[in-house]
């Protein structure tokens, strides 16, 4: 099963998207956007930038857990991963985004 983007509204009414792998696991999440068009543009940016390995950066949380961010050409963060137990797991997450994002369908759950 292929990966997919889900667009949804959070409790504050902002639009967000998440990229799910074929197994249903969340592999990338966005910031909140004021309108759905912002989320759709964010998805387009992820699809475009996910094929560029140098657009990913592994970081460490304040609790010492590795995670990664995906940045656009202008260095703005367009998505962030979950926290991982190891840098190797975060690298596997990056590979999953690179494999899934370019061809992922969009599931608009905003009704």
N, C-alpha and C. Protein backbone atom coordinates (compact mmCIF):
# COMPACT_ATOMS: atom_id res chain seq x y z
N UNK A 1 0.84 -1.18 0.00
CA UNK A 1 0.00 0.00 0.00
C UNK A 1 0.89 1.25 0.00
N UNK A 2 0.51 2.20 -0.82
CA UNK A 2 1.29 3.43 -0.94
C UNK A 2 1.00 4.38 0.21
N UNK A 3 1.92 5.30 0.42
CA UNK A 3 1.72 6.32 1.44
C UNK A 3 0.68 7.33 0.99
N UNK A 4 0.20 8.14 1.95
CA UNK A 4 -0.77 9.17 1.61
C UNK A 4 -0.63 10.35 2.56
N UNK A 5 -1.03 11.50 2.06
CA UNK A 5 -1.13 12.70 2.88
C UNK A 5 -2.57 12.80 3.37
N UNK A 6 -2.74 13.18 4.63
CA UNK A 6 -4.06 13.47 5.17
C UNK A 6 -4.10 14.94 5.56
N UNK A 7 -5.12 15.66 5.08
CA UNK A 7 -5.37 17.04 5.49
C UNK A 7 -6.49 17.00 6.51
N UNK A 8 -6.28 17.67 7.64
CA UNK A 8 -7.30 17.68 8.69
C UNK A 8 -7.26 19.02 9.42
N UNK A 9 -8.29 19.27 10.21
CA UNK A 9 -8.33 20.48 11.05
C UNK A 9 -8.09 20.06 12.50
N UNK A 10 -7.23 20.82 13.18
CA UNK A 10 -6.96 20.53 14.59
C UNK A 10 -8.02 21.20 15.47
N UNK A 11 -7.90 21.02 16.77
CA UNK A 11 -8.91 21.55 17.71
C UNK A 11 -9.00 23.07 17.67
N UNK A 12 -7.91 23.73 17.27
CA UNK A 12 -7.90 25.19 17.19
C UNK A 12 -8.45 25.69 15.85
N UNK A 13 -8.83 24.76 14.96
CA UNK A 13 -9.38 25.15 13.67
C UNK A 13 -8.35 25.34 12.58
N UNK A 14 -7.08 25.09 12.88
CA UNK A 14 -6.04 25.23 11.86
C UNK A 14 -5.97 23.97 11.00
N UNK A 15 -5.55 24.17 9.76
CA UNK A 15 -5.39 23.05 8.84
C UNK A 15 -3.98 22.50 8.96
N UNK A 16 -3.88 21.19 8.98
CA UNK A 16 -2.60 20.51 9.08
C UNK A 16 -2.60 19.34 8.11
N UNK A 17 -1.40 18.86 7.82
CA UNK A 17 -1.30 17.61 7.07
C UNK A 17 -0.30 16.70 7.74
N UNK A 18 -0.49 15.43 7.48
CA UNK A 18 0.48 14.43 7.92
C UNK A 18 0.69 13.46 6.77
N UNK A 19 1.90 12.94 6.68
CA UNK A 19 2.22 11.93 5.69
C UNK A 19 2.26 10.59 6.41
N UNK A 20 1.50 9.66 5.89
CA UNK A 20 1.47 8.31 6.47
C UNK A 20 2.11 7.35 5.48
N UNK A 21 2.91 6.43 6.02
CA UNK A 21 3.50 5.38 5.20
C UNK A 21 2.42 4.37 4.84
N UNK A 22 2.74 3.46 3.95
CA UNK A 22 1.79 2.44 3.51
C UNK A 22 1.24 1.60 4.66
N UNK A 23 2.02 1.47 5.73
CA UNK A 23 1.57 0.68 6.89
C UNK A 23 0.72 1.50 7.85
N UNK A 24 0.43 2.77 7.51
CA UNK A 24 -0.41 3.60 8.34
C UNK A 24 0.33 4.42 9.38
N UNK A 25 1.65 4.25 9.47
CA UNK A 25 2.44 4.98 10.47
C UNK A 25 2.66 6.43 10.03
N UNK A 26 2.47 7.38 10.96
CA UNK A 26 2.77 8.78 10.67
C UNK A 26 4.27 8.95 10.52
N UNK A 27 4.71 9.55 9.42
CA UNK A 27 6.14 9.75 9.22
C UNK A 27 6.54 11.22 9.09
N UNK A 28 5.58 12.11 8.91
CA UNK A 28 5.88 13.54 8.82
C UNK A 28 4.62 14.31 9.14
N UNK A 29 4.75 15.40 9.90
CA UNK A 29 3.60 16.24 10.25
C UNK A 29 3.94 17.69 10.00
N UNK A 30 2.91 18.46 9.68
CA UNK A 30 3.10 19.88 9.37
C UNK A 30 2.80 20.77 10.56
N UNK A 31 3.09 22.04 10.35
CA UNK A 31 2.63 23.08 11.27
C UNK A 31 1.17 23.36 10.95
N UNK A 32 0.55 24.24 11.72
CA UNK A 32 -0.83 24.64 11.45
C UNK A 32 -0.88 25.76 10.42
N UNK A 33 -1.89 25.72 9.56
CA UNK A 33 -2.12 26.75 8.55
C UNK A 33 -3.51 27.35 8.77
N UNK A 34 -3.66 28.63 8.46
CA UNK A 34 -4.94 29.31 8.65
C UNK A 34 -6.00 28.83 7.67
N UNK A 35 -5.58 28.42 6.47
CA UNK A 35 -6.54 27.93 5.49
C UNK A 35 -6.04 26.66 4.82
N UNK A 36 -6.96 25.96 4.19
CA UNK A 36 -6.64 24.67 3.57
C UNK A 36 -5.63 24.84 2.43
N UNK A 37 -5.69 25.97 1.74
CA UNK A 37 -4.74 26.22 0.66
C UNK A 37 -3.30 26.20 1.15
N UNK A 38 -3.07 26.71 2.35
CA UNK A 38 -1.72 26.66 2.94
C UNK A 38 -1.25 25.24 3.15
N UNK A 39 -2.14 24.38 3.63
CA UNK A 39 -1.80 22.97 3.83
C UNK A 39 -1.52 22.30 2.48
N UNK A 40 -2.34 22.62 1.50
CA UNK A 40 -2.14 22.04 0.16
C UNK A 40 -0.81 22.48 -0.44
N UNK A 41 -0.45 23.75 -0.25
CA UNK A 41 0.86 24.23 -0.71
C UNK A 41 1.98 23.54 0.04
N UNK A 42 1.78 23.29 1.34
CA UNK A 42 2.78 22.58 2.12
C UNK A 42 3.01 21.17 1.60
N UNK A 43 1.93 20.48 1.24
CA UNK A 43 2.05 19.14 0.66
C UNK A 43 2.84 19.18 -0.64
N UNK A 44 2.51 20.15 -1.49
CA UNK A 44 3.24 20.28 -2.76
C UNK A 44 4.72 20.51 -2.51
N UNK A 45 5.04 21.29 -1.48
CA UNK A 45 6.44 21.55 -1.14
C UNK A 45 7.13 20.29 -0.62
N UNK A 46 6.42 19.49 0.18
CA UNK A 46 7.00 18.23 0.66
C UNK A 46 7.28 17.32 -0.53
N UNK A 47 6.32 17.19 -1.44
CA UNK A 47 6.51 16.32 -2.60
C UNK A 47 7.74 16.75 -3.40
N UNK A 48 7.91 18.05 -3.55
CA UNK A 48 9.04 18.58 -4.33
C UNK A 48 10.37 18.39 -3.61
N UNK A 49 10.40 18.65 -2.31
CA UNK A 49 11.66 18.66 -1.57
C UNK A 49 12.07 17.30 -1.00
N UNK A 50 11.13 16.36 -0.91
CA UNK A 50 11.42 15.06 -0.31
C UNK A 50 12.40 14.23 -1.13
N UNK A 51 12.62 14.59 -2.38
CA UNK A 51 13.56 13.84 -3.22
C UNK A 51 15.00 14.33 -3.05
N UNK A 52 15.18 15.40 -2.28
CA UNK A 52 16.50 16.00 -2.06
C UNK A 52 17.02 15.63 -0.67
N UNK A 53 17.98 14.73 -0.59
CA UNK A 53 18.49 14.26 0.69
C UNK A 53 19.01 15.40 1.57
N UNK A 54 19.59 16.42 0.95
CA UNK A 54 20.15 17.53 1.74
C UNK A 54 19.10 18.46 2.32
N UNK A 55 17.82 18.23 2.03
CA UNK A 55 16.74 19.03 2.61
C UNK A 55 16.30 18.48 3.97
N UNK A 56 16.83 17.32 4.35
CA UNK A 56 16.50 16.72 5.63
C UNK A 56 17.59 17.02 6.64
N UNK A 57 17.19 17.24 7.88
CA UNK A 57 18.16 17.49 8.94
C UNK A 57 17.73 16.71 10.18
N UNK A 58 18.63 15.89 10.70
CA UNK A 58 18.36 15.18 11.94
C UNK A 58 18.73 16.10 13.09
N UNK A 59 17.80 16.22 14.05
CA UNK A 59 17.99 17.08 15.22
C UNK A 59 17.81 16.23 16.47
N UNK A 60 18.04 16.84 17.61
CA UNK A 60 17.84 16.14 18.88
C UNK A 60 16.93 16.97 19.76
N UNK A 61 15.93 16.31 20.34
CA UNK A 61 14.97 16.99 21.21
C UNK A 61 15.63 17.31 22.55
N UNK A 62 14.96 18.10 23.35
CA UNK A 62 15.49 18.45 24.67
C UNK A 62 15.63 17.22 25.56
N UNK A 63 14.87 16.16 25.25
CA UNK A 63 14.97 14.92 26.03
C UNK A 63 16.00 13.95 25.43
N UNK A 64 16.72 14.42 24.39
CA UNK A 64 17.78 13.60 23.81
C UNK A 64 17.33 12.65 22.72
N UNK A 65 16.09 12.73 22.30
CA UNK A 65 15.58 11.83 21.25
C UNK A 65 15.81 12.46 19.88
N UNK A 66 16.30 11.65 18.93
CA UNK A 66 16.48 12.19 17.57
C UNK A 66 15.15 12.28 16.82
N UNK A 67 15.07 13.27 15.96
CA UNK A 67 13.95 13.44 15.04
C UNK A 67 14.50 14.16 13.83
N UNK A 68 13.69 14.29 12.78
CA UNK A 68 14.17 15.02 11.61
C UNK A 68 13.15 16.05 11.16
N UNK A 69 13.65 17.04 10.44
CA UNK A 69 12.81 18.04 9.79
C UNK A 69 13.12 18.02 8.30
N UNK A 70 12.13 18.40 7.52
CA UNK A 70 12.29 18.58 6.09
C UNK A 70 12.17 20.07 5.82
N UNK A 71 13.14 20.62 5.11
CA UNK A 71 13.16 22.05 4.83
C UNK A 71 12.99 22.31 3.33
N UNK A 72 12.36 23.42 3.03
CA UNK A 72 12.23 23.88 1.65
C UNK A 72 13.55 24.52 1.21
N UNK A 73 13.62 24.90 -0.04
CA UNK A 73 14.83 25.53 -0.58
C UNK A 73 15.19 26.81 0.18
N UNK A 74 14.18 27.49 0.75
CA UNK A 74 14.42 28.73 1.51
C UNK A 74 14.77 28.44 2.97
N UNK A 75 14.99 27.17 3.30
CA UNK A 75 15.37 26.71 4.64
C UNK A 75 14.24 26.74 5.66
N UNK A 76 13.02 27.01 5.22
CA UNK A 76 11.87 26.99 6.12
C UNK A 76 11.45 25.54 6.34
N UNK A 77 11.19 25.18 7.60
CA UNK A 77 10.75 23.82 7.92
C UNK A 77 9.33 23.62 7.41
N UNK A 78 9.12 22.53 6.65
CA UNK A 78 7.80 22.24 6.11
C UNK A 78 7.20 20.97 6.71
N UNK A 79 7.99 20.24 7.47
CA UNK A 79 7.47 19.06 8.14
C UNK A 79 8.45 18.55 9.17
N UNK A 80 7.91 17.87 10.18
CA UNK A 80 8.74 17.32 11.26
C UNK A 80 8.29 15.90 11.55
N UNK A 81 9.24 15.06 11.91
CA UNK A 81 8.94 13.68 12.23
C UNK A 81 8.55 13.52 13.69
N UNK A 82 8.24 12.31 14.05
CA UNK A 82 8.07 11.92 15.45
C UNK A 82 9.45 11.80 16.09
N UNK A 83 9.48 11.52 17.37
CA UNK A 83 10.75 11.26 18.06
C UNK A 83 11.12 9.79 17.86
N UNK A 84 12.39 9.54 17.67
CA UNK A 84 12.89 8.19 17.45
C UNK A 84 13.81 7.78 18.60
N UNK A 85 14.06 6.48 18.70
CA UNK A 85 14.95 5.96 19.74
C UNK A 85 16.41 6.05 19.34
N UNK A 86 16.68 6.16 18.02
CA UNK A 86 18.07 6.22 17.56
C UNK A 86 18.16 7.05 16.29
N UNK A 87 19.37 7.53 16.00
CA UNK A 87 19.60 8.28 14.76
C UNK A 87 19.37 7.38 13.55
N UNK A 88 19.69 6.08 13.69
CA UNK A 88 19.47 5.14 12.58
C UNK A 88 17.98 5.02 12.27
N UNK A 89 17.14 5.00 13.29
CA UNK A 89 15.69 4.95 13.08
C UNK A 89 15.20 6.23 12.41
N UNK A 90 15.74 7.37 12.82
CA UNK A 90 15.38 8.64 12.18
C UNK A 90 15.78 8.62 10.70
N UNK A 91 16.94 8.06 10.41
CA UNK A 91 17.39 7.95 9.01
C UNK A 91 16.44 7.07 8.21
N UNK A 92 15.95 5.99 8.83
CA UNK A 92 14.97 5.13 8.17
C UNK A 92 13.69 5.91 7.90
N UNK A 93 13.30 6.78 8.83
CA UNK A 93 12.13 7.63 8.64
C UNK A 93 12.31 8.57 7.46
N UNK A 94 13.49 9.14 7.34
CA UNK A 94 13.80 10.02 6.19
C UNK A 94 13.64 9.24 4.90
N UNK A 95 14.18 8.03 4.86
CA UNK A 95 14.08 7.20 3.66
C UNK A 95 12.62 6.90 3.33
N UNK A 96 11.81 6.69 4.35
CA UNK A 96 10.39 6.43 4.14
C UNK A 96 9.70 7.65 3.54
N UNK A 97 10.03 8.85 4.03
CA UNK A 97 9.46 10.07 3.44
C UNK A 97 9.91 10.19 1.98
N UNK A 98 11.17 9.95 1.71
CA UNK A 98 11.69 10.06 0.34
C UNK A 98 10.99 9.06 -0.58
N UNK A 99 10.67 7.89 -0.06
CA UNK A 99 10.01 6.86 -0.87
C UNK A 99 8.52 7.12 -1.05
N UNK A 100 7.87 7.64 -0.03
CA UNK A 100 6.41 7.77 -0.04
C UNK A 100 5.89 9.10 -0.56
N UNK A 101 6.53 10.20 -0.21
CA UNK A 101 5.96 11.53 -0.46
C UNK A 101 5.74 11.87 -1.94
N UNK A 102 6.71 11.61 -2.82
CA UNK A 102 6.54 12.11 -4.20
C UNK A 102 5.28 11.64 -4.91
N UNK A 103 4.82 10.44 -4.66
CA UNK A 103 3.66 9.90 -5.36
C UNK A 103 2.44 9.73 -4.45
N UNK A 104 2.50 10.21 -3.23
CA UNK A 104 1.42 9.98 -2.27
C UNK A 104 0.14 10.72 -2.68
N UNK A 105 -0.98 10.02 -2.52
CA UNK A 105 -2.28 10.63 -2.77
C UNK A 105 -2.63 11.55 -1.60
N UNK A 106 -3.63 12.39 -1.81
CA UNK A 106 -4.08 13.32 -0.76
C UNK A 106 -5.47 12.92 -0.32
N UNK A 107 -5.63 12.69 0.97
CA UNK A 107 -6.91 12.34 1.59
C UNK A 107 -7.36 13.56 2.41
N UNK A 108 -8.31 14.30 1.86
CA UNK A 108 -8.82 15.51 2.52
C UNK A 108 -9.90 15.10 3.51
N UNK A 109 -9.59 15.21 4.80
CA UNK A 109 -10.53 14.79 5.84
C UNK A 109 -11.28 15.96 6.45
N UNK A 110 -11.24 17.12 5.78
CA UNK A 110 -11.89 18.30 6.33
C UNK A 110 -13.36 18.37 5.97
N UNK A 111 -13.81 17.44 5.12
CA UNK A 111 -15.24 17.35 4.79
C UNK A 111 -15.72 18.46 3.95
